[in-house]
Amino acid sequence: MVTPLQLRLARIAIGWSAADLAAASKVSESTIRRFETGNGEMYENNMERLRAVLERKGIIFLGSGDTTDGGPGIRLKKKS
């Protein structure tokens, strides 16, 4: 599961506003902002759309076992 902080970091890493992500994913900007600030949940189908869009833009979501300190995070794919 993508955390609110991961979603925000991923969006910022590719230089997108919440409005940009909303337009690309068809998930409302208010839903994205509520989730990122911890003031709301995200439906699974919406999270799948957000994740798919961000992964196409080069984001890799790291789970709790994928980082040296054990916390979830993100990274960008290496450009070929």
Protein backbone atom coordinates (compact mmCIF):
# COMPACT_ATOMS: atom_id res chain seq x y z
CA MET A 1 0.00 0.00 0.00
CA VAL A 2 1.22 3.48 -0.86
CA THR A 3 1.38 5.84 2.12
CA PRO A 4 0.25 9.47 2.00
CA LEU A 5 3.86 10.65 2.24
CA GLN A 6 4.98 8.33 -0.56
CA LEU A 7 2.24 9.66 -2.82
CA ARG A 8 3.22 13.27 -2.16
CA LEU A 9 6.94 12.58 -2.56
CA ALA A 10 6.34 10.73 -5.83
CA ARG A 11 4.27 13.58 -7.21
CA ILE A 12 6.86 16.16 -6.22
CA ALA A 13 9.73 14.04 -7.57
CA ILE A 14 8.30 14.24 -11.07
CA GLY A 15 7.45 17.92 -10.70
CA TRP A 16 3.67 17.53 -10.72
CA SER A 17 1.05 19.41 -8.77
CA ALA A 18 -1.94 17.62 -7.28
CA ALA A 19 -3.93 19.04 -10.20
CA ASP A 20 -1.51 17.48 -12.71
CA LEU A 21 -1.82 14.08 -11.02
CA ALA A 22 -5.59 14.41 -10.86
CA ALA A 23 -5.81 15.14 -14.59
CA ALA A 24 -3.55 12.22 -15.51
CA SER A 25 -5.22 9.69 -13.19
CA LYS A 26 -8.86 10.81 -13.27
CA VAL A 27 -8.82 10.89 -9.44
CA SER A 28 -10.11 14.17 -8.05
CA GLU A 29 -7.61 16.71 -6.79
CA SER A 30 -9.49 17.02 -3.50
CA THR A 31 -9.24 13.25 -2.94
CA ILE A 32 -5.49 13.36 -3.60
CA ARG A 33 -4.99 16.33 -1.25
CA ARG A 34 -7.10 14.76 1.52
CA PHE A 35 -5.12 11.52 1.32
CA GLU A 36 -1.73 13.25 1.21
CA THR A 37 -2.54 15.27 4.33
CA GLY A 38 -3.85 12.23 6.21
CA ASN A 39 -7.40 13.54 6.28
CA GLY A 40 -9.01 10.78 4.26
CA GLU A 41 -8.74 7.27 2.94
CA MET A 42 -8.21 6.25 -0.66
CA TYR A 43 -10.38 3.73 -2.49
CA GLU A 44 -8.30 0.85 -3.81
CA ASN A 45 -9.27 1.48 -7.45
CA ASN A 46 -8.21 5.13 -7.15
CA MET A 47 -4.88 4.13 -5.59
CA GLU A 48 -4.27 1.67 -8.41
CA ARG A 49 -4.82 4.44 -10.97
CA LEU A 50 -2.53 6.86 -9.11
CA ARG A 51 0.17 4.25 -8.70
CA ALA A 52 0.00 3.21 -12.37
CA VAL A 53 0.35 6.82 -13.57
CA LEU A 54 3.29 7.51 -11.28
CA GLU A 55 5.04 4.27 -12.16
CA ARG A 56 4.72 5.12 -15.87
CA LYS A 57 6.48 8.40 -15.04
CA GLY A 58 9.40 6.48 -13.51
CA ILE A 59 8.51 6.21 -9.82
CA ILE A 60 9.39 3.04 -7.93
CA PHE A 61 7.52 2.59 -4.65
CA LEU A 62 9.59 0.97 -1.91
CA GLY A 63 7.94 -1.07 0.81
CA SER A 64 9.10 -1.26 4.39
CA GLY A 65 11.58 -4.04 3.57
CA ASP A 66 13.10 -2.27 0.56
CA THR A 67 15.07 0.48 2.30
CA THR A 68 18.04 0.38 4.63
CA ASP A 69 16.15 1.96 7.53
CA GLY A 70 13.09 -0.26 7.09
CA GLY A 71 10.67 2.53 6.17
CA PRO A 72 8.64 2.94 2.99
CA GLY A 73 9.89 5.36 0.35
CA ILE A 74 10.24 6.06 -3.35
CA ARG A 75 12.95 6.32 -5.95
CA LEU A 76 13.17 7.23 -9.61
CA LYS A 77 14.05 4.66 -12.26
CA LYS A 78 17.43 5.15 -13.85
CA LYS A 79 17.18 6.74 -17.24
CA SER A 80 18.50 4.59 -20.06
